[in-house]
C-alpha atoms as a PDB file:
ATOM      1  CA  UNK A   1     -13.834  17.881  -0.652  1.00  0.00           C
ATOM      2  CA  UNK A   2     -13.517  14.468  -2.286  1.00  0.00           C
ATOM      3  CA  UNK A   3     -11.484  13.757  -5.248  1.00  0.00           C
ATOM      4  CA  UNK A   4     -12.488  11.195  -8.021  1.00  0.00           C
ATOM      5  CA  UNK A   5     -11.106   9.317 -10.958  1.00  0.00           C
ATOM      6  CA  UNK A   6     -12.152   7.522 -13.887  1.00  0.00           C
ATOM      7  CA  UNK A   7     -11.588   3.966 -13.723  1.00  0.00           C
ATOM      8  CA  UNK A   8     -12.179   1.361 -15.701  1.00  0.00           C
ATOM      9  CA  UNK A   9     -11.875  -2.621 -15.374  1.00  0.00           C
ATOM     10  CA  UNK A  10     -11.530  -2.110 -11.678  1.00  0.00           C
ATOM     11  CA  UNK A  11     -14.148  -3.223  -8.779  1.00  0.00           C
ATOM     12  CA  UNK A  12     -13.275  -1.595  -5.519  1.00  0.00           C
ATOM     13  CA  UNK A  13     -15.409  -3.694  -3.368  1.00  0.00           C
ATOM     14  CA  UNK A  14     -13.603  -7.518  -5.138  1.00  0.00           C
ATOM     15  CA  UNK A  15     -10.032  -5.633  -4.533  1.00  0.00           C
ATOM     16  CA  UNK A  16     -10.480  -4.749  -0.894  1.00  0.00           C
ATOM     17  CA  UNK A  17     -12.423  -7.841   0.009  1.00  0.00           C
ATOM     18  CA  UNK A  18     -10.731 -10.406  -1.739  1.00  0.00           C
ATOM     19  CA  UNK A  19      -8.309 -11.643   1.287  1.00  0.00           C
ATOM     20  CA  UNK A  20      -4.990 -10.175   0.642  1.00  0.00           C
ATOM     21  CA  UNK A  21      -5.171  -7.116   2.418  1.00  0.00           C
ATOM     22  CA  UNK A  22      -6.990  -6.623   6.016  1.00  0.00           C
ATOM     23  CA  UNK A  23      -6.860  -2.932   7.357  1.00  0.00           C
ATOM     24  CA  UNK A  24     -10.068  -1.311   5.626  1.00  0.00           C
ATOM     25  CA  UNK A  25     -13.667  -1.458   7.232  1.00  0.00           C
ATOM     26  CA  UNK A  26     -17.173  -0.435   5.413  1.00  0.00           C
ATOM     27  CA  UNK A  27     -19.910   1.344   6.450  1.00  0.00           C
ATOM     28  CA  UNK A  28     -22.393   2.870   4.055  1.00  0.00           C
ATOM     29  CA  UNK A  29     -20.706   1.642   1.101  1.00  0.00           C
ATOM     30  CA  UNK A  30     -17.445   3.717   1.697  1.00  0.00           C
ATOM     31  CA  UNK A  31     -14.382   1.740   2.721  1.00  0.00           C
ATOM     32  CA  UNK A  32     -12.103   3.942   5.320  1.00  0.00           C
ATOM     33  CA  UNK A  33      -8.447   2.409   4.276  1.00  0.00           C
ATOM     34  CA  UNK A  34      -5.096   2.734   6.272  1.00  0.00           C
ATOM     35  CA  UNK A  35      -2.009   1.851   4.021  1.00  0.00           C
ATOM     36  CA  UNK A  36       1.382   3.080   5.561  1.00  0.00           C
ATOM     37  CA  UNK A  37       1.225   6.435   6.357  1.00  0.00           C
ATOM     38  CA  UNK A  38      -1.991   7.399   4.494  1.00  0.00           C
ATOM     39  CA  UNK A  39      -5.687   6.693   5.893  1.00  0.00           C
ATOM     40  CA  UNK A  40      -8.573   7.630   3.661  1.00  0.00           C
ATOM     41  CA  UNK A  41     -11.920   7.030   2.708  1.00  0.00           C
ATOM     42  CA  UNK A  42     -12.533   5.500  -0.813  1.00  0.00           C
ATOM     43  CA  UNK A  43     -15.913   4.620  -2.496  1.00  0.00           C
ATOM     44  CA  UNK A  44     -17.345   3.639  -6.142  1.00  0.00           C
ATOM     45  CA  UNK A  45     -19.733   4.836  -8.451  1.00  0.00           C
ATOM     46  CA  UNK A  46     -19.730   2.908 -11.801  1.00  0.00           C
ATOM     47  CA  UNK A  47     -16.415   4.565 -13.259  1.00  0.00           C
ATOM     48  CA  UNK A  48     -16.013   7.077 -10.673  1.00  0.00           C
ATOM     49  CA  UNK A  49     -13.578   6.161  -7.927  1.00  0.00           C
ATOM     50  CA  UNK A  50     -13.846   8.749  -5.034  1.00  0.00           C
ATOM     51  CA  UNK A  51     -11.635   9.018  -2.343  1.00  0.00           C
ATOM     52  CA  UNK A  52     -10.631  12.084   0.298  1.00  0.00           C
ATOM     53  CA  UNK A  53      -7.210  12.653   1.953  1.00  0.00           C
ATOM     54  CA  UNK A  54      -4.410  11.071  -0.123  1.00  0.00           C
ATOM     55  CA  UNK A  55      -3.047  11.597  -3.466  1.00  0.00           C
ATOM     56  CA  UNK A  56      -4.464  10.588  -7.015  1.00  0.00           C
ATOM     57  CA  UNK A  57      -0.851   9.241  -7.218  1.00  0.00           C
ATOM     58  CA  UNK A  58      -1.088   7.011  -4.441  1.00  0.00           C
ATOM     59  CA  UNK A  59      -4.727   5.762  -5.304  1.00  0.00           C
ATOM     60  CA  UNK A  60      -3.391   4.849  -8.843  1.00  0.00           C
ATOM     61  CA  UNK A  61      -0.442   3.035  -7.302  1.00  0.00           C
ATOM     62  CA  UNK A  62      -2.374   1.357  -4.434  1.00  0.00           C
ATOM     63  CA  UNK A  63      -4.982   0.159  -6.207  1.00  0.00           C
ATOM     64  CA  UNK A  64      -3.029  -1.077  -9.484  1.00  0.00           C
ATOM     65  CA  UNK A  65      -4.651   1.144 -11.896  1.00  0.00           C
ATOM     66  CA  UNK A  66      -1.623   0.762 -14.514  1.00  0.00           C
ATOM     67  CA  UNK A  67      -2.213  -2.925 -14.439  1.00  0.00           C
ATOM     68  CA  UNK A  68      -3.513  -3.700 -17.966  1.00  0.00           C
ATOM     69  CA  UNK A  69      -6.401  -5.935 -16.841  1.00  0.00           C
ATOM     70  CA  UNK A  70      -7.676  -7.129 -19.972  1.00  0.00           C
ATOM     71  CA  UNK A  71      -4.205  -8.147 -21.083  1.00  0.00           C
ATOM     72  CA  UNK A  72      -3.555 -10.030 -17.478  1.00  0.00           C
ATOM     73  CA  UNK A  73      -6.855 -11.591 -18.451  1.00  0.00           C
ATOM     74  CA  UNK A  74      -5.826 -12.564 -21.942  1.00  0.00           C
ATOM     75  CA  UNK A  75      -2.914 -14.402 -20.050  1.00  0.00           C
ATOM     76  CA  UNK A  76      -4.537 -16.672 -17.174  1.00  0.00           C
ATOM     77  CA  UNK A  77      -7.472 -17.298 -19.564  1.00  0.00           C
ATOM     78  CA  UNK A  78      -6.363 -20.854 -20.200  1.00  0.00           C
ATOM     79  CA  UNK A  79      -9.717 -22.625 -20.196  1.00  0.00           C
ATOM     80  CA  UNK A  80     -13.596 -22.185 -19.616  1.00  0.00           C
ATOM     81  CA  UNK A  81     -13.609 -22.426 -15.690  1.00  0.00           C
ATOM     82  CA  UNK A  82     -10.800 -19.621 -15.524  1.00  0.00           C
ATOM     83  CA  UNK A  83     -12.890 -17.745 -17.716  1.00  0.00           C
ATOM     84  CA  UNK A  84     -16.443 -18.318 -15.736  1.00  0.00           C
ATOM     85  CA  UNK A  85     -13.914 -16.970 -12.548  1.00  0.00           C
ATOM     86  CA  UNK A  86     -12.944 -13.938 -14.453  1.00  0.00           C
ATOM     87  CA  UNK A  87     -16.139 -13.282 -15.510  1.00  0.00           C
ATOM     88  CA  UNK A  88     -17.532 -13.466 -12.070  1.00  0.00           C
ATOM     89  CA  UNK A  89     -14.978 -11.191 -10.128  1.00  0.00           C
ATOM     90  CA  UNK A  90     -13.757  -8.962 -12.967  1.00  0.00           C
ATOM     91  CA  UNK A  91     -12.224  -5.618 -11.991  1.00  0.00           C
ATOM     92  CA  UNK A  92     -10.261  -7.289  -8.865  1.00  0.00           C
ATOM     93  CA  UNK A  93      -6.699  -6.231  -8.834  1.00  0.00           C
ATOM     94  CA  UNK A  94      -3.834  -6.686  -6.774  1.00  0.00           C
ATOM     95  CA  UNK A  95      -3.099  -4.462  -4.678  1.00  0.00           C
ATOM     96  CA  UNK A  96       0.624  -2.739  -3.896  1.00  0.00           C
ATOM     97  CA  UNK A  97       1.147  -3.195  -0.018  1.00  0.00           C
ATOM     98  CA  UNK A  98       3.932  -2.047   2.519  1.00  0.00           C
ATOM     99  CA  UNK A  99       6.624  -4.738   2.591  1.00  0.00           C
ATOM    100  CA  UNK A 100       6.546  -4.738   6.390  1.00  0.00           C
ATOM    101  CA  UNK A 101       3.105  -4.481   7.015  1.00  0.00           C
ATOM    102  CA  UNK A 102       2.448  -7.335   4.415  1.00  0.00           C
ATOM    103  CA  UNK A 103       4.919  -9.336   5.915  1.00  0.00           C
ATOM    104  CA  UNK A 104       3.808  -8.980   9.232  1.00  0.00           C
ATOM    105  CA  UNK A 105       0.066  -9.499   8.367  1.00  0.00           C
ATOM    106  CA  UNK A 106       0.846 -12.933   6.741  1.00  0.00           C
ATOM    107  CA  UNK A 107       2.834 -13.856   9.238  1.00  0.00           C
ATOM    108  CA  UNK A 108      -0.055 -13.495  11.549  1.00  0.00           C
ATOM    109  CA  UNK A 109      -2.024 -15.542   9.119  1.00  0.00           C
ATOM    110  CA  UNK A 110      -0.455 -18.680   9.795  1.00  0.00           C
ATOM    111  CA  UNK A 111      -2.871 -21.253  11.256  1.00  0.00           C
ATOM    112  CA  UNK A 112      -5.603 -18.385  11.108  1.00  0.00           C
ATOM    113  CA  UNK A 113      -8.554 -17.379   9.313  1.00  0.00           C
ATOM    114  CA  UNK A 114      -9.452 -13.879   7.678  1.00  0.00           C
ATOM    115  CA  UNK A 115     -11.445 -12.177  10.973  1.00  0.00           C
ATOM    116  CA  UNK A 116      -8.756 -13.273  12.947  1.00  0.00           C
ATOM    117  CA  UNK A 117      -6.094 -11.663  11.030  1.00  0.00           C
ATOM    118  CA  UNK A 118      -7.731  -8.591  10.852  1.00  0.00           C
ATOM    119  CA  UNK A 119      -8.668  -8.543  14.377  1.00  0.00           C
ATOM    120  CA  UNK A 120      -4.920  -9.080  15.254  1.00  0.00           C
ATOM    121  CA  UNK A 121      -3.573  -6.691  12.773  1.00  0.00           C
ATOM    122  CA  UNK A 122      -5.986  -3.588  14.112  1.00  0.00           C
ATOM    123  CA  UNK A 123      -4.463  -4.595  17.826  1.00  0.00           C
ATOM    124  CA  UNK A 124      -0.760  -4.628  16.711  1.00  0.00           C
ATOM    125  CA  UNK A 125      -2.221  -0.944  15.202  1.00  0.00           C
ATOM    126  CA  UNK A 126      -4.050  -0.142  18.688  1.00  0.00           C
ATOM    127  CA  UNK A 127      -1.218  -1.431  20.630  1.00  0.00           C
ATOM    128  CA  UNK A 128       1.859   0.334  19.143  1.00  0.00           C
ATOM    129  CA  UNK A 129       0.796   2.580  15.935  1.00  0.00           C
ATOM    130  CA  UNK A 130       0.802   6.151  15.820  1.00  0.00           C
ATOM    131  CA  UNK A 131      -2.477   8.117  15.225  1.00  0.00           C
ATOM    132  CA  UNK A 132      -3.618  10.095  12.168  1.00  0.00           C
ATOM    133  CA  UNK A 133      -7.120  11.622  11.677  1.00  0.00           C
ATOM    134  CA  UNK A 134      -9.225  10.738   9.065  1.00  0.00           C
ATOM    135  CA  UNK A 135     -12.849  12.284   8.252  1.00  0.00           C
ATOM    136  CA  UNK A 136     -13.178  13.699  11.576  1.00  0.00           C
ATOM    137  CA  UNK A 137     -12.212   9.865  13.028  1.00  0.00           C
ATOM    138  CA  UNK A 138      -8.782   9.047  14.402  1.00  0.00           C
ATOM    139  CA  UNK A 139      -6.960   5.721  12.852  1.00  0.00           C
ATOM    140  CA  UNK A 140      -4.039   3.868  14.003  1.00  0.00           C
ATOM    141  CA  UNK A 141      -0.913   3.220  11.322  1.00  0.00           C
ATOM    142  CA  UNK A 142       0.602  -0.038  11.522  1.00  0.00           C
ATOM    143  CA  UNK A 143       3.512  -0.051  13.982  1.00  0.00           C
ATOM    144  CA  UNK A 144       7.265  -0.229  12.148  1.00  0.00           C
ATOM    145  CA  UNK A 145       9.206  -2.458  12.985  1.00  0.00           C
ATOM    146  CA  UNK A 146      11.137  -0.619  15.611  1.00  0.00           C
ATOM    147  CA  UNK A 147       7.814   0.144  17.356  1.00  0.00           C
ATOM    148  CA  UNK A 148       6.754  -3.135  17.603  1.00  0.00           C
ATOM    149  CA  UNK A 149       6.208  -4.460  21.231  1.00  0.00           C
ATOM    150  CA  UNK A 150       8.301  -7.439  22.706  1.00  0.00           C
ATOM    151  CA  UNK A 151       7.070 -10.967  22.446  1.00  0.00           C
ATOM    152  CA  UNK A 152       5.578 -10.918  25.598  1.00  0.00           C
ATOM    153  CA  UNK A 153       3.200  -7.771  25.063  1.00  0.00           C
ATOM    154  CA  UNK A 154       2.590  -9.576  21.371  1.00  0.00           C
ATOM    155  CA  UNK A 155       1.356 -12.358  23.223  1.00  0.00           C
ATOM    156  CA  UNK A 156      -0.715 -10.267  25.681  1.00  0.00           C
ATOM    157  CA  UNK A 157      -2.965  -9.423  22.094  1.00  0.00           C
ATOM    158  CA  UNK A 158      -3.611 -12.956  21.618  1.00  0.00           C
ATOM    159  CA  UNK A 159      -1.211 -13.686  18.918  1.00  0.00           C
ATOM    160  CA  UNK A 160      -0.063 -16.901  20.517  1.00  0.00           C
ATOM    161  CA  UNK A 161       3.086 -18.580  18.867  1.00  0.00           C
ATOM    162  CA  UNK A 162       2.672 -16.052  16.070  1.00  0.00           C
ATOM    163  CA  UNK A 163       4.188 -13.364  18.678  1.00  0.00           C
ATOM    164  CA  UNK A 164       7.745 -14.576  18.373  1.00  0.00           C
ATOM    165  CA  UNK A 165       7.666 -14.936  14.287  1.00  0.00           C
ATOM    166  CA  UNK A 166       6.399 -11.205  14.387  1.00  0.00           C
ATOM    167  CA  UNK A 167       8.811 -10.378  17.168  1.00  0.00           C
ATOM    168  CA  UNK A 168      12.081 -12.035  15.035  1.00  0.00           C
ATOM    169  CA  UNK A 169      10.460 -10.443  12.164  1.00  0.00           C
ATOM    170  CA  UNK A 170      10.205  -6.976  13.406  1.00  0.00           C
ATOM    171  CA  UNK A 171      13.739  -7.910  14.241  1.00  0.00           C
ATOM    172  CA  UNK A 172      15.385  -8.887  11.190  1.00  0.00           C
ATOM    173  CA  UNK A 173      13.542  -6.181   9.228  1.00  0.00           C
ATOM    174  CA  UNK A 174      15.388  -3.152  11.152  1.00  0.00           C
ATOM    175  CA  UNK A 175      18.266  -5.136  10.143  1.00  0.00           C
ATOM    176  CA  UNK A 176      17.269  -4.666   6.665  1.00  0.00           C
ATOM    177  CA  UNK A 177      16.188  -8.144   5.475  1.00  0.00           C
ATOM    178  CA  UNK A 178      13.243  -6.707   3.705  1.00  0.00           C
ATOM    179  CA  UNK A 179      15.291  -4.114   1.965  1.00  0.00           C
ATOM    180  CA  UNK A 180      17.557  -6.855   0.261  1.00  0.00           C
ATOM    181  CA  UNK A 181      14.738  -8.783  -1.232  1.00  0.00           C
ATOM    182  CA  UNK A 182      13.478  -5.630  -3.866  1.00  0.00           C
ATOM    183  CA  UNK A 183      15.781  -6.600  -7.174  1.00  0.00           C
ATOM    184  CA  UNK A 184      16.428 -10.013  -6.382  1.00  0.00           C
ATOM    185  CA  UNK A 185      14.643 -12.766  -8.570  1.00  0.00           C
ATOM    186  CA  UNK A 186      11.662 -14.855  -7.381  1.00  0.00           C
ATOM    187  CA  UNK A 187      13.597 -17.560  -5.843  1.00  0.00           C
ATOM    188  CA  UNK A 188      16.401 -15.664  -3.969  1.00  0.00           C
ATOM    189  CA  UNK A 189      13.410 -13.716  -2.817  1.00  0.00           C
ATOM    190  CA  UNK A 190      11.689 -16.403  -1.704  1.00  0.00           C
ATOM    191  CA  UNK A 191      14.447 -17.620   0.247  1.00  0.00           C
ATOM    192  CA  UNK A 192      15.159 -14.816   1.722  1.00  0.00           C
ATOM    193  CA  UNK A 193      12.198 -14.521   3.398  1.00  0.00           C
ATOM    194  CA  UNK A 194      12.062 -17.547   4.650  1.00  0.00           C
ATOM    195  CA  UNK A 195      14.829 -17.130   6.752  1.00  0.00           C
ATOM    196  CA  UNK A 196      12.162 -15.390   9.158  1.00  0.00           C
ATOM    197  CA  UNK A 197      11.234 -17.886  11.700  1.00  0.00           C
ATOM    198  CA  UNK A 198       7.669 -19.226  10.610  1.00  0.00           C
ATOM    199  CA  UNK A 199       7.883 -17.905   7.280  1.00  0.00           C
ATOM    200  CA  UNK A 200       6.914 -20.911   4.910  1.00  0.00           C
ATOM    201  CA  UNK A 201       6.509 -21.149   0.973  1.00  0.00           C
ATOM    202  CA  UNK A 202       3.128 -20.051   1.396  1.00  0.00           C
ATOM    203  CA  UNK A 203       3.618 -16.776   3.289  1.00  0.00           C
ATOM    204  CA  UNK A 204       6.492 -15.985   1.593  1.00  0.00           C
ATOM    205  CA  UNK A 205       4.986 -15.914  -2.064  1.00  0.00           C
ATOM    206  CA  UNK A 206       1.932 -13.938  -0.261  1.00  0.00           C
ATOM    207  CA  UNK A 207       4.562 -11.147  -0.108  1.00  0.00           C
ATOM    208  CA  UNK A 208       6.474 -11.698  -2.800  1.00  0.00           C
ATOM    209  CA  UNK A 209       2.700 -10.947  -4.634  1.00  0.00           C
ATOM    210  CA  UNK A 210       1.263  -8.488  -2.700  1.00  0.00           C
ATOM    211  CA  UNK A 211       4.309  -6.344  -1.499  1.00  0.00           C
ATOM    212  CA  UNK A 212       6.872  -6.647  -4.323  1.00  0.00           C
ATOM    213  CA  UNK A 213       5.454  -7.262  -7.327  1.00  0.00           C
ATOM    214  CA  UNK A 214       6.250 -10.693  -8.253  1.00  0.00           C
ATOM    215  CA  UNK A 215       2.979 -11.523 -10.578  1.00  0.00           C
ATOM    216  CA  UNK A 216       4.099 -14.798 -11.258  1.00  0.00           C
ATOM    217  CA  UNK A 217       3.917 -15.910  -7.285  1.00  0.00           C
ATOM    218  CA  UNK A 218       1.213 -18.430  -6.870  1.00  0.00           C
ATOM    219  CA  UNK A 219       0.747 -18.731  -3.116  1.00  0.00           C
ATOM    220  CA  UNK A 220      -0.869 -22.035  -2.222  1.00  0.00           C
ATOM    221  CA  UNK A 221      -3.052 -21.630   0.687  1.00  0.00           C
ATOM    222  CA  UNK A 222      -5.985 -24.516   1.933  1.00  0.00           C
ATOM    223  CA  UNK A 223      -8.828 -22.974  -0.234  1.00  0.00           C
ATOM    224  CA  UNK A 224      -6.381 -22.802  -3.381  1.00  0.00           C
ATOM    225  CA  UNK A 225      -5.184 -26.202  -2.449  1.00  0.00           C
ATOM    226  CA  UNK A 226      -8.366 -27.682  -2.014  1.00  0.00           C
ATOM    227  CA  UNK A 227      -9.565 -25.696  -5.705  1.00  0.00           C
ATOM    228  CA  UNK A 228      -6.840 -26.909  -7.753  1.00  0.00           C
ATOM    229  CA  UNK A 229      -6.885 -30.653  -6.643  1.00  0.00           C
ATOM    230  CA  UNK A 230     -10.629 -30.437  -7.193  1.00  0.00           C
ATOM    231  CA  UNK A 231     -10.304 -28.830 -10.716  1.00  0.00           C
ATOM    232  CA  UNK A 232      -6.969 -29.188 -12.030  1.00  0.00           C
ATOM    233  CA  UNK A 233      -5.670 -32.517 -10.577  1.00  0.00           C
ATOM    234  CA  UNK A 234      -8.825 -34.815 -11.140  1.00  0.00           C
ATOM    235  CA  UNK A 235      -9.401 -34.516  -7.312  1.00  0.00           C
ATOM    236  CA  UNK A 236      -6.147 -36.300  -6.614  1.00  0.00           C
ATOM    237  CA  UNK A 237      -4.256 -35.224  -3.697  1.00  0.00           C
ATOM    238  CA  UNK A 238      -1.105 -33.522  -4.690  1.00  0.00           C
ATOM    239  CA  UNK A 239       1.995 -31.441  -3.014  1.00  0.00           C
ATOM    240  CA  UNK A 240       1.769 -27.563  -3.109  1.00  0.00           C
ATOM    241  CA  UNK A 241       4.881 -27.822  -4.175  1.00  0.00           C
ATOM    242  CA  UNK A 242       3.559 -29.524  -7.912  1.00  0.00           C
ATOM    243  CA  UNK A 243       0.431 -27.055  -7.486  1.00  0.00           C
ATOM    244  CA  UNK A 244       2.388 -23.940  -7.508  1.00  0.00           C
ATOM    245  CA  UNK A 245       4.973 -25.210 -10.450  1.00  0.00           C
ATOM    246  CA  UNK A 246       2.115 -26.423 -12.385  1.00  0.00           C
ATOM    247  CA  UNK A 247       0.285 -23.226 -11.778  1.00  0.00           C
ATOM    248  CA  UNK A 248       3.358 -20.824 -12.291  1.00  0.00           C
ATOM    249  CA  UNK A 249       4.080 -22.716 -15.976  1.00  0.00           C
ATOM    250  CA  UNK A 250      -0.161 -23.182 -16.630  1.00  0.00           C
ATOM    251  CA  UNK A 251      -1.042 -19.726 -16.077  1.00  0.00           C
ATOM    252  CA  UNK A 252       2.841 -17.886 -16.611  1.00  0.00           C
ATOM    253  CA  UNK A 253       3.633 -14.160 -15.665  1.00  0.00           C
ATOM    254  CA  UNK A 254       0.474 -13.273 -13.953  1.00  0.00           C
ATOM    255  CA  UNK A 255      -0.065 -16.534 -12.222  1.00  0.00           C
ATOM    256  CA  UNK A 256      -0.800 -14.550  -9.081  1.00  0.00           C
ATOM    257  CA  UNK A 257      -3.867 -12.661 -10.552  1.00  0.00           C
ATOM    258  CA  UNK A 258      -5.386 -16.300 -11.220  1.00  0.00           C
ATOM    259  CA  UNK A 259      -4.635 -17.183  -7.606  1.00  0.00           C
ATOM    260  CA  UNK A 260      -6.449 -14.076  -6.243  1.00  0.00           C
ATOM    261  CA  UNK A 261      -9.292 -14.392  -8.630  1.00  0.00           C
ATOM    262  CA  UNK A 262      -9.418 -18.756  -7.662  1.00  0.00           C
ATOM    263  CA  UNK A 263      -9.375 -17.677  -4.365  1.00  0.00           C
ATOM    264  CA  UNK A 264     -11.777 -14.975  -4.123  1.00  0.00           C
ATOM    265  CA  UNK A 265     -14.415 -17.637  -6.064  1.00  0.00           C
ATOM    266  CA  UNK A 266     -12.936 -20.734  -3.993  1.00  0.00           C
ATOM    267  CA  UNK A 267     -13.936 -19.199  -0.497  1.00  0.00           C
ATOM    268  CA  UNK A 268     -17.555 -17.788  -2.047  1.00  0.00           C
ATOM    269  CA  UNK A 269     -18.587 -20.609  -4.271  1.00  0.00           C
ATOM    270  CA  UNK A 270     -17.006 -23.849  -2.335  1.00  0.00           C
ATOM    271  CA  UNK A 271     -20.264 -25.921  -3.107  1.00  0.00           C
ATOM    272  CA  UNK A 272     -20.518 -24.689  -6.741  1.00  0.00           C
ATOM    273  CA  UNK A 273     -17.218 -26.151  -7.265  1.00  0.00           C
ATOM    274  CA  UNK A 274     -17.568 -29.636  -5.680  1.00  0.00           C
ATOM    275  CA  UNK A 275     -20.835 -29.729  -7.702  1.00  0.00           C
ATOM    276  CA  UNK A 276     -18.870 -30.021 -10.616  1.00  0.00           C
ATOM    277  CA  UNK A 277     -16.455 -32.180 -12.356  1.00  0.00           C
ATOM    278  CA  UNK A 278     -12.407 -31.661 -12.763  1.00  0.00           C
ATOM    279  CA  UNK A 279     -11.228 -29.581 -15.794  1.00  0.00           C
ATOM    280  CA  UNK A 280      -9.358 -31.763 -18.418  1.00  0.00           C
ATOM    281  CA  UNK A 281      -6.828 -29.352 -19.465  1.00  0.00           C
ATOM    282  CA  UNK A 282      -5.247 -31.442 -21.971  1.00  0.00           C
ATOM    283  CA  UNK A 283      -8.046 -32.387 -24.220  1.00  0.00           C
ATOM    284  CA  UNK A 284      -9.881 -28.888 -23.374  1.00  0.00           C
ATOM    285  CA  UNK A 285     -12.870 -30.298 -22.336  1.00  0.00           C
ATOM    286  CA  UNK A 286     -15.070 -27.944 -20.483  1.00  0.00           C
ATOM    287  CA  UNK A 287     -16.411 -28.992 -16.930  1.00  0.00           C
ATOM    288  CA  UNK A 288     -19.926 -29.933 -16.562  1.00  0.00           C
ATOM    289  CA  UNK A 289     -22.182 -26.376 -15.871  1.00  0.00           C
ATOM    290  CA  UNK A 290     -19.406 -24.046 -17.741  1.00  0.00           C
ATOM    291  CA  UNK A 291     -20.318 -22.119 -20.934  1.00  0.00           C
ATOM    292  CA  UNK A 292     -17.038 -22.018 -22.396  1.00  0.00           C
ATOM    293  CA  UNK A 293     -18.187 -18.966 -24.521  1.00  0.00           C
ATOM    294  CA  UNK A 294     -19.056 -16.774 -21.638  1.00  0.00           C
ATOM    295  CA  UNK A 295     -17.953 -13.038 -22.613  1.00  0.00           C
ATOM    296  CA  UNK A 296     -15.171 -11.798 -20.199  1.00  0.00           C
ATOM    297  CA  UNK A 297     -15.160  -8.009 -20.570  1.00  0.00           C
ATOM    298  CA  UNK A 298     -11.872  -7.270 -22.813  1.00  0.00           C
ATOM    299  CA  UNK A 299     -11.026 -10.481 -23.246  1.00  0.00           C
ATOM    300  CA  UNK A 300     -11.744 -11.321 -26.843  1.00  0.00           C
END
């Protein structure tokens, strides 16, 4: 029998479909999710979040229902454009992912796209993961580092050059590298993750944000780069490092939330962004077409 929680300021669809997590599928409005040892079904009806096969504490933890989203929004609501982004995708939350699964998924993401990443992650689970029942069906957990196949086996899954990176990542994870990161400040944690071959700043920041709770991390991928340059840098090309440093200062302690909302908005509304001018952050002038007084739930 399904159980339910009462939720506020939460949108299940926006959260799962925002490109931060890849182990889900959807049928008839119900999501089947596999995270760590749990495979469960979850769906939302208004302020009721229904779920099966997992404890309530796990649902609260995984979906970050303890995060004060109105407080987050107040912190990152720095300009009319960001306010519109918040309004459009209100309820999107950062998921708490398993460090190894998250690392492997984002190593797989190098020079890839969401459909391909999803296929790659599922292929690794089918090839090496343990079977678990869910609602009369069978799913597979993502393999732990010790269960991962060798580079040759990974290449058979059409992972290409990423096979070597994943093999090295599994070897380093078995040696305790990912355990060392918990408790480190962001800059040290980033440098530690970048010991893994193939892991540069973007992948490291994704892992920091989605697996280790560094909510100020601001991963810069293709969509974020395009959006930030267009909106905040007047269309002038700049470096990923400058974008990241600007965003961390501009959006503050919850820059990672700003990143995920911007990522979702940019992927789904790029033509809309291109049709607007840049935002003058210094004079607080609204971009054309932005209503600076649009209401965002929870934001005064």
